[in-house]
Structure formats: C-alpha cells, structure tokens
N, C-alpha and C. Protein backbone atom coordinates (compact mmCIF):
# COMPACT_ATOMS: atom_id res chain seq x y z
N MET A 1 -20.66 -23.29 23.32
CA MET A 1 -21.47 -23.55 22.15
C MET A 1 -21.20 -22.59 21.24
N GLY A 2 -20.98 -22.89 19.64
CA GLY A 2 -20.50 -21.98 19.03
C GLY A 2 -21.91 -21.28 18.49
N THR A 3 -21.63 -20.38 17.43
CA THR A 3 -22.72 -19.91 16.37
C THR A 3 -22.37 -19.96 15.06
N TYR A 4 -23.38 -20.58 14.78
CA TYR A 4 -23.86 -20.91 13.15
C TYR A 4 -24.03 -19.55 12.32
N LEU A 5 -23.34 -18.98 11.41
CA LEU A 5 -23.56 -18.15 10.65
C LEU A 5 -23.34 -18.53 9.41
N GLU A 6 -24.65 -18.73 8.69
CA GLU A 6 -24.72 -19.08 6.93
C GLU A 6 -24.27 -18.02 6.19
N VAL A 7 -23.24 -18.43 5.04
CA VAL A 7 -22.78 -17.46 4.08
C VAL A 7 -23.88 -17.31 2.92
N GLU A 8 -24.64 -16.29 2.93
CA GLU A 8 -25.76 -16.20 1.89
C GLU A 8 -24.95 -16.72 0.51
N SER A 9 -25.83 -16.98 -0.35
CA SER A 9 -25.76 -17.62 -1.67
C SER A 9 -25.48 -16.33 -2.22
N GLY A 10 -24.07 -16.70 -3.28
CA GLY A 10 -23.28 -15.42 -4.11
C GLY A 10 -22.67 -14.53 -3.00
N SER A 11 -22.36 -14.55 -1.95
CA SER A 11 -21.50 -14.01 -1.28
C SER A 11 -20.24 -14.94 -0.63
N TYR A 12 -19.14 -14.33 -0.36
CA TYR A 12 -18.28 -14.91 -0.03
C TYR A 12 -17.54 -14.42 1.13
N PHE A 13 -16.12 -15.04 1.81
CA PHE A 13 -15.63 -14.42 2.51
C PHE A 13 -14.18 -14.39 2.29
N ASP A 14 -13.28 -13.74 2.81
CA ASP A 14 -11.89 -13.86 2.06
C ASP A 14 -10.81 -13.57 3.40
N ILE A 15 -9.49 -14.64 2.79
CA ILE A 15 -8.30 -14.89 3.91
C ILE A 15 -7.37 -14.05 3.30
N PRO A 16 -7.09 -12.72 4.42
CA PRO A 16 -5.82 -11.74 3.55
C PRO A 16 -4.45 -12.44 3.90
N LEU A 17 -3.55 -12.33 2.69
CA LEU A 17 -1.97 -13.02 2.85
C LEU A 17 -1.50 -13.08 4.26
N GLY A 18 -2.00 -11.71 5.21
CA GLY A 18 -1.07 -11.28 6.50
C GLY A 18 -1.51 -12.74 7.16
N ALA A 19 -2.44 -13.22 7.00
CA ALA A 19 -3.14 -14.46 8.08
C ALA A 19 -2.65 -15.45 7.63
N LEU A 20 -1.54 -15.36 6.49
CA LEU A 20 -0.80 -16.94 6.37
C LEU A 20 0.80 -16.46 7.03
N GLN A 21 1.19 -15.02 6.80
CA GLN A 21 2.62 -14.95 7.05
C GLN A 21 2.97 -15.01 8.37
N SER A 22 4.14 -15.82 8.72
CA SER A 22 4.74 -15.38 10.27
C SER A 22 5.08 -14.04 10.31
N ILE A 23 4.93 -13.78 11.44
CA ILE A 23 5.61 -12.50 11.72
C ILE A 23 6.86 -12.57 12.19
N ASN A 24 7.61 -13.45 12.55
CA ASN A 24 8.76 -13.58 13.07
C ASN A 24 9.95 -14.13 12.10
N ILE A 25 9.31 -14.85 11.14
CA ILE A 25 10.13 -15.47 10.11
C ILE A 25 10.14 -15.31 9.03
N GLU A 26 10.85 -14.70 8.20
CA GLU A 26 10.61 -13.99 6.57
C GLU A 26 10.73 -15.07 5.86
N ASN A 27 9.72 -15.33 5.08
CA ASN A 27 9.33 -16.07 4.14
C ASN A 27 8.80 -17.10 4.50
N LEU A 28 7.99 -17.17 5.54
CA LEU A 28 7.20 -18.55 6.54
C LEU A 28 5.93 -18.50 5.99
N TYR A 29 5.46 -19.32 5.69
CA TYR A 29 3.86 -19.19 5.47
C TYR A 29 3.05 -20.57 6.21
N GLY A 30 2.28 -20.11 6.73
CA GLY A 30 1.39 -21.26 7.37
C GLY A 30 -0.09 -21.57 6.47
N ALA A 31 -1.02 -22.63 6.33
CA ALA A 31 -1.80 -22.90 5.81
C ALA A 31 -2.84 -23.75 6.63
N GLY A 32 -4.03 -23.72 6.23
CA GLY A 32 -5.03 -24.79 6.97
C GLY A 32 -5.42 -24.51 8.26
N ARG A 33 -5.19 -25.21 9.27
CA ARG A 33 -5.69 -25.28 10.25
C ARG A 33 -4.57 -24.26 11.18
N ILE A 34 -3.88 -23.74 11.10
CA ILE A 34 -2.37 -23.00 11.47
C ILE A 34 -2.66 -21.43 11.16
N VAL A 35 -3.73 -20.98 10.24
CA VAL A 35 -3.97 -19.87 10.05
C VAL A 35 -4.24 -18.90 10.86
N SER A 36 -3.91 -17.84 11.06
CA SER A 36 -4.57 -17.07 12.16
C SER A 36 -5.46 -16.62 11.95
N SER A 37 -6.63 -16.74 12.86
CA SER A 37 -8.03 -16.21 12.55
C SER A 37 -8.67 -16.02 13.88
N ASP A 38 -9.96 -15.40 14.28
CA ASP A 38 -10.57 -15.52 15.48
C ASP A 38 -11.47 -16.83 15.55
N GLU A 39 -11.94 -17.10 16.60
CA GLU A 39 -12.92 -18.57 16.65
C GLU A 39 -14.01 -18.67 15.40
N VAL A 40 -14.72 -17.53 15.27
CA VAL A 40 -16.05 -17.69 14.23
C VAL A 40 -14.99 -18.24 12.97
N ALA A 41 -14.50 -17.41 12.67
CA ALA A 41 -13.62 -17.35 11.24
C ALA A 41 -12.94 -18.86 11.24
N PHE A 42 -12.14 -19.46 12.13
CA PHE A 42 -11.61 -20.82 12.24
C PHE A 42 -12.80 -21.91 11.78
N ALA A 43 -13.68 -21.56 12.31
CA ALA A 43 -14.90 -22.62 11.62
C ALA A 43 -14.97 -22.80 9.97
N ALA A 44 -14.98 -21.65 9.45
CA ALA A 44 -14.86 -21.90 8.01
C ALA A 44 -13.14 -21.93 7.53
N ILE A 45 -12.26 -21.67 8.08
CA ILE A 45 -10.66 -22.03 7.41
C ILE A 45 -10.56 -23.21 7.67
N ARG A 46 -11.15 -24.16 8.90
CA ARG A 46 -10.67 -25.08 9.07
C ARG A 46 -11.38 -26.62 7.90
N VAL A 47 -11.62 -26.27 7.16
CA VAL A 47 -12.76 -27.42 6.27
C VAL A 47 -11.31 -27.23 4.76
N MET A 48 -11.85 -28.69 4.54
CA MET A 48 -10.59 -29.07 3.39
C MET A 48 -10.40 -28.39 2.46
N GLY A 49 -11.21 -27.45 1.65
CA GLY A 49 -11.54 -26.76 0.43
C GLY A 49 -10.65 -25.59 0.66
N THR A 50 -10.69 -24.86 1.77
CA THR A 50 -10.16 -23.70 2.24
C THR A 50 -8.84 -24.27 2.66
N CYS A 51 -8.50 -25.13 3.39
CA CYS A 51 -7.15 -25.57 3.65
C CYS A 51 -6.46 -25.67 2.51
N PHE A 52 -6.81 -26.54 0.95
CA PHE A 52 -6.47 -26.42 -0.12
C PHE A 52 -6.35 -24.75 -0.70
N ALA A 53 -6.77 -24.38 -0.48
CA ALA A 53 -6.47 -22.72 -0.89
C ALA A 53 -5.47 -22.31 -0.55
N THR A 54 -5.53 -22.12 0.78
CA THR A 54 -4.37 -21.34 1.62
C THR A 54 -3.43 -21.99 1.40
N GLY A 55 -3.09 -23.29 1.58
CA GLY A 55 -2.11 -24.01 1.27
C GLY A 55 -1.22 -23.27 -0.17
N HIS A 56 -2.40 -23.40 -1.53
CA HIS A 56 -1.84 -23.14 -2.98
C HIS A 56 -1.12 -21.62 -2.64
N ALA A 57 -2.32 -20.79 -2.22
CA ALA A 57 -1.37 -19.48 -1.93
C ALA A 57 -0.36 -19.31 -0.70
N ALA A 58 -0.09 -19.72 -0.27
CA ALA A 58 0.97 -20.17 0.95
C ALA A 58 2.40 -20.54 -0.20
N GLY A 59 2.13 -21.32 -0.87
CA GLY A 59 2.99 -21.91 -1.68
C GLY A 59 3.63 -20.99 -2.80
N VAL A 60 2.38 -20.11 -3.42
CA VAL A 60 2.77 -19.27 -4.52
C VAL A 60 3.38 -18.36 -3.71
N ALA A 61 3.07 -17.72 -2.44
CA ALA A 61 3.61 -16.47 -2.01
C ALA A 61 5.38 -16.71 -1.50
N ALA A 62 5.23 -18.08 -1.05
CA ALA A 62 6.78 -18.38 -0.68
C ALA A 62 7.75 -18.27 -1.93
N ALA A 63 7.21 -18.65 -2.86
CA ALA A 63 7.86 -19.03 -3.76
C ALA A 63 8.45 -17.70 -4.35
N TYR A 64 7.32 -16.91 -4.56
CA TYR A 64 7.46 -15.67 -5.20
C TYR A 64 8.37 -14.66 -4.22
N GLN A 65 7.99 -14.77 -3.26
CA GLN A 65 9.21 -13.90 -2.09
C GLN A 65 10.56 -14.81 -2.14
N ALA A 66 10.97 -15.78 -2.51
CA ALA A 66 12.20 -16.51 -2.57
C ALA A 66 12.89 -16.17 -3.67
N LEU A 67 11.95 -15.89 -4.88
CA LEU A 67 12.67 -15.14 -6.08
C LEU A 67 12.73 -14.15 -6.64
N ASN A 68 11.95 -12.97 -6.01
CA ASN A 68 12.13 -11.39 -6.02
C ASN A 68 12.33 -10.96 -4.83
N GLY A 69 12.43 -11.60 -3.52
CA GLY A 69 13.16 -11.06 -2.37
C GLY A 69 11.93 -10.10 -1.78
N ASN A 70 10.76 -9.97 -2.34
CA ASN A 70 9.66 -9.17 -1.91
C ASN A 70 8.58 -9.79 -2.05
N VAL A 71 7.12 -9.20 -1.30
CA VAL A 71 6.04 -9.62 -1.41
C VAL A 71 4.84 -8.90 -1.90
N ASP A 72 5.14 -9.03 -3.02
CA ASP A 72 3.72 -8.22 -3.95
C ASP A 72 2.37 -8.79 -4.53
N ARG A 73 1.22 -8.53 -3.62
CA ARG A 73 0.11 -9.08 -3.45
C ARG A 73 -0.37 -8.98 -4.63
N GLU A 74 -0.22 -7.87 -5.10
CA GLU A 74 -0.95 -8.10 -6.36
C GLU A 74 -0.27 -9.00 -7.98
N LYS A 75 0.67 -9.40 -7.83
CA LYS A 75 1.07 -10.40 -8.69
C LYS A 75 1.32 -11.87 -7.86
N ILE A 76 1.09 -11.91 -6.46
CA ILE A 76 0.92 -13.29 -6.03
C ILE A 76 -0.96 -13.57 -6.29
N ARG A 77 -1.38 -12.80 -6.61
CA ARG A 77 -2.94 -12.91 -7.01
C ARG A 77 -3.17 -13.19 -8.44
N GLU A 78 -2.09 -12.39 -9.17
CA GLU A 78 -2.47 -12.51 -10.54
C GLU A 78 -1.82 -14.03 -10.95
N GLU A 79 -0.51 -14.49 -9.96
CA GLU A 79 -0.01 -15.85 -10.25
C GLU A 79 -0.93 -16.91 -9.85
N LEU A 80 -1.93 -16.70 -8.90
CA LEU A 80 -2.88 -17.73 -8.23
C LEU A 80 -3.95 -17.84 -9.04
N LYS A 81 -4.32 -16.89 -10.16
CA LYS A 81 -5.30 -16.58 -10.97
C LYS A 81 -5.11 -17.41 -12.27
N ARG A 82 -3.67 -17.13 -12.56
CA ARG A 82 -3.22 -18.07 -13.99
C ARG A 82 -3.35 -19.41 -13.53
N GLN A 83 -3.01 -20.22 -12.44
CA GLN A 83 -3.08 -21.08 -12.06
C GLN A 83 -4.38 -21.75 -11.66
N ASN A 84 -5.17 -21.02 -12.32
CA ASN A 84 -6.78 -21.14 -11.65
C ASN A 84 -7.45 -21.47 -10.30
N ALA A 85 -6.45 -20.50 -9.82
CA ALA A 85 -6.89 -20.39 -8.02
C ALA A 85 -8.37 -19.54 -7.89
N LEU A 86 -9.47 -20.17 -6.92
CA LEU A 86 -10.30 -19.33 -6.74
C LEU A 86 -9.80 -18.21 -5.85
N VAL A 87 -10.10 -16.87 -6.31
CA VAL A 87 -9.15 -15.94 -5.92
C VAL A 87 -10.19 -14.94 -5.44
C-alpha cells in the first residue's frame, strides 16, 4: 500500500535534468514514465501533465546538446522559459 503525501498549496516539487538523462548513451533523454525516480516520486511523475513537461524538457535538452555539444542547464532552463514552460 502506498503512502499519500499532499503537496501544500503554493509549494511544488522539481525534477532534475539528470533524472531525464541516460548515463550510458550521450544525448539520450527519457521522459514521462521512464524518468528515473524512487517509488514515492514516481506517483507524481507518471501523471499526464508531468509527462508533458518532462517530454518538453527532454526535447529542448537534446536539441541544445546536439547543436552545442554540451549540456548547459541554465541555457536549457532559459529556453524552456522562453517557450513558456513551467520551470
């Protein structure tokens, strides 16, 4: 049986970019239900809105890395904000 943890109004959780990155294959990102997480966090990650958000972030990160040859988290965050993502 799982444990229900309510996120208080006005608070949030975040998903680090590293949870989307493959540790074995360069410039491979996962999103949605395949994001690396523990059992408690997975309950929040598997919902559609979060799947959309991680997919968006994974796409932007992969494109940035393909174009620039590196992962600059701040630049990726800036691009996501420019695209009106919730960051």
